[in-house]
Amino acid sequence: MRLLLDILLFRRMIAPVLLQLLFWAAIGGTIYGAWWLYTHDSAVWWVALVCGCLMCRILFEFGIIAFRSYEALCAVRDSLAAPRK
């Protein structure tokens, strides 16, 4: 129940999870596209497979960096707000 409340009040973000799901969907699409090229006797199927997977990884890493940095900044804020002993 607490998790649902955190999501509804925007204390917890769901976009990083959605980005991970979209990443795996993009990898699946890349593999399917490379397979399609392979079955239609194209000689560049391996280029599409390697470069497509690499480009998907790089693009989605840029998206996830924003959320990881936000989480790190929240951890710093919480550690500074905690009373010192």
C-alpha atoms as a PDB file:
ATOM      1  CA  MET A   1       0.000   0.000   0.000  1.00  0.00           C
ATOM      2  CA  ARG A   2       2.871   2.345   0.813  1.00  0.00           C
ATOM      3  CA  LEU A   3       4.416   1.771  -2.625  1.00  0.00           C
ATOM      4  CA  LEU A   4       1.154   2.658  -4.362  1.00  0.00           C
ATOM      5  CA  LEU A   5       0.835   5.815  -2.280  1.00  0.00           C
ATOM      6  CA  ASP A   6       4.430   6.800  -3.105  1.00  0.00           C
ATOM      7  CA  ILE A   7       3.743   6.328  -6.821  1.00  0.00           C
ATOM      8  CA  LEU A   8       0.488   8.302  -6.701  1.00  0.00           C
ATOM      9  CA  LEU A   9       2.128  11.174  -4.813  1.00  0.00           C
ATOM     10  CA  PHE A  10       5.141  11.212  -7.170  1.00  0.00           C
ATOM     11  CA  ARG A  11       7.611  10.281  -4.442  1.00  0.00           C
ATOM     12  CA  ARG A  12       8.684   7.248  -6.425  1.00  0.00           C
ATOM     13  CA  MET A  13       9.180   7.396 -10.178  1.00  0.00           C
ATOM     14  CA  ILE A  14       7.965   4.713 -12.529  1.00  0.00           C
ATOM     15  CA  ALA A  15       9.756   6.016 -15.627  1.00  0.00           C
ATOM     16  CA  PRO A  16      12.999   4.079 -14.924  1.00  0.00           C
ATOM     17  CA  VAL A  17      11.037   0.825 -14.918  1.00  0.00           C
ATOM     18  CA  LEU A  18       9.244   1.832 -18.109  1.00  0.00           C
ATOM     19  CA  LEU A  19      12.579   2.727 -19.713  1.00  0.00           C
ATOM     20  CA  GLN A  20      13.890  -0.739 -18.888  1.00  0.00           C
ATOM     21  CA  LEU A  21      10.816  -2.359 -20.429  1.00  0.00           C
ATOM     22  CA  LEU A  22      11.143  -0.203 -23.538  1.00  0.00           C
ATOM     23  CA  PHE A  23      14.836  -1.072 -23.739  1.00  0.00           C
ATOM     24  CA  TRP A  24      14.107  -4.792 -23.866  1.00  0.00           C
ATOM     25  CA  ALA A  25      11.351  -4.189 -26.421  1.00  0.00           C
ATOM     26  CA  ALA A  26      13.852  -2.255 -28.563  1.00  0.00           C
ATOM     27  CA  ILE A  27      16.390  -5.071 -28.257  1.00  0.00           C
ATOM     28  CA  GLY A  28      13.687  -7.526 -29.325  1.00  0.00           C
ATOM     29  CA  GLY A  29      12.849  -5.324 -32.307  1.00  0.00           C
ATOM     30  CA  THR A  30      16.508  -5.104 -33.243  1.00  0.00           C
ATOM     31  CA  ILE A  31      16.896  -8.880 -33.088  1.00  0.00           C
ATOM     32  CA  TYR A  32      13.737  -9.331 -35.151  1.00  0.00           C
ATOM     33  CA  GLY A  33      14.973  -6.818 -37.732  1.00  0.00           C
ATOM     34  CA  ALA A  34      18.335  -8.576 -37.974  1.00  0.00           C
ATOM     35  CA  TRP A  35      16.570 -11.927 -38.322  1.00  0.00           C
ATOM     36  CA  TRP A  36      14.379 -10.488 -41.096  1.00  0.00           C
ATOM     37  CA  LEU A  37      17.471  -9.254 -42.931  1.00  0.00           C
ATOM     38  CA  TYR A  38      19.106 -12.675 -42.471  1.00  0.00           C
ATOM     39  CA  THR A  39      16.107 -14.558 -43.867  1.00  0.00           C
ATOM     40  CA  HIS A  40      15.971 -12.241 -46.891  1.00  0.00           C
ATOM     41  CA  ASP A  41      19.629 -12.941 -47.729  1.00  0.00           C
ATOM     42  CA  SER A  42      20.979  -9.539 -46.809  1.00  0.00           C
ATOM     43  CA  ALA A  43      24.676  -9.505 -46.022  1.00  0.00           C
ATOM     44  CA  VAL A  44      24.416  -6.703 -43.457  1.00  0.00           C
ATOM     45  CA  TRP A  45      22.216  -8.483 -40.892  1.00  0.00           C
ATOM     46  CA  TRP A  46      25.109  -8.742 -38.455  1.00  0.00           C
ATOM     47  CA  VAL A  47      25.797  -4.992 -38.731  1.00  0.00           C
ATOM     48  CA  ALA A  48      22.164  -4.256 -37.909  1.00  0.00           C
ATOM     49  CA  LEU A  49      22.320  -6.656 -34.970  1.00  0.00           C
ATOM     50  CA  VAL A  50      25.518  -5.303 -33.428  1.00  0.00           C
ATOM     51  CA  CYS A  51      24.992  -1.610 -34.150  1.00  0.00           C
ATOM     52  CA  GLY A  52      21.285  -1.732 -33.310  1.00  0.00           C
ATOM     53  CA  CYS A  53      21.860  -3.331 -29.914  1.00  0.00           C
ATOM     54  CA  LEU A  54      24.699  -0.934 -29.173  1.00  0.00           C
ATOM     55  CA  MET A  55      22.688   2.135 -30.180  1.00  0.00           C
ATOM     56  CA  CYS A  56      19.692   0.993 -28.115  1.00  0.00           C
ATOM     57  CA  ARG A  57      21.924   0.582 -25.085  1.00  0.00           C
ATOM     58  CA  ILE A  58      23.542   4.002 -25.497  1.00  0.00           C
ATOM     59  CA  LEU A  59      20.260   5.852 -26.063  1.00  0.00           C
ATOM     60  CA  PHE A  60      18.511   4.269 -23.109  1.00  0.00           C
ATOM     61  CA  GLU A  61      21.533   4.837 -20.858  1.00  0.00           C
ATOM     62  CA  PHE A  62      21.231   8.565 -21.524  1.00  0.00           C
ATOM     63  CA  GLY A  63      17.612   8.408 -20.434  1.00  0.00           C
ATOM     64  CA  ILE A  64      18.282   6.421 -17.285  1.00  0.00           C
ATOM     65  CA  ILE A  65      21.199   8.648 -16.196  1.00  0.00           C
ATOM     66  CA  ALA A  66      18.771  11.446 -15.331  1.00  0.00           C
ATOM     67  CA  PHE A  67      16.812   9.208 -12.980  1.00  0.00           C
ATOM     68  CA  ARG A  68      19.905   7.683 -11.373  1.00  0.00           C
ATOM     69  CA  SER A  69      21.352  11.134 -10.690  1.00  0.00           C
ATOM     70  CA  TYR A  70      18.030  12.219  -9.171  1.00  0.00           C
ATOM     71  CA  GLU A  71      18.086   9.205  -6.848  1.00  0.00           C
ATOM     72  CA  ALA A  72      21.676   9.996  -5.846  1.00  0.00           C
ATOM     73  CA  LEU A  73      20.777  13.614  -5.129  1.00  0.00           C
ATOM     74  CA  CYS A  74      17.838  12.494  -2.990  1.00  0.00           C
ATOM     75  CA  ALA A  75      20.172  10.211  -1.024  1.00  0.00           C
ATOM     76  CA  VAL A  76      22.557  13.121  -0.437  1.00  0.00           C
ATOM     77  CA  ARG A  77      19.653  15.327   0.667  1.00  0.00           C
ATOM     78  CA  ASP A  78      18.398  12.673   3.071  1.00  0.00           C
ATOM     79  CA  SER A  79      21.851  12.091   4.528  1.00  0.00           C
ATOM     80  CA  LEU A  80      22.310  15.838   5.097  1.00  0.00           C
ATOM     81  CA  ALA A  81      18.873  16.144   6.688  1.00  0.00           C
ATOM     82  CA  ALA A  82      19.492  13.272   9.114  1.00  0.00           C
ATOM     83  CA  PRO A  83      20.486  14.408  12.611  1.00  0.00           C
ATOM     84  CA  ARG A  84      24.140  13.917  13.433  1.00  0.00           C
ATOM     85  CA  LYS A  85      25.174  11.998  16.512  1.00  0.00           C
END
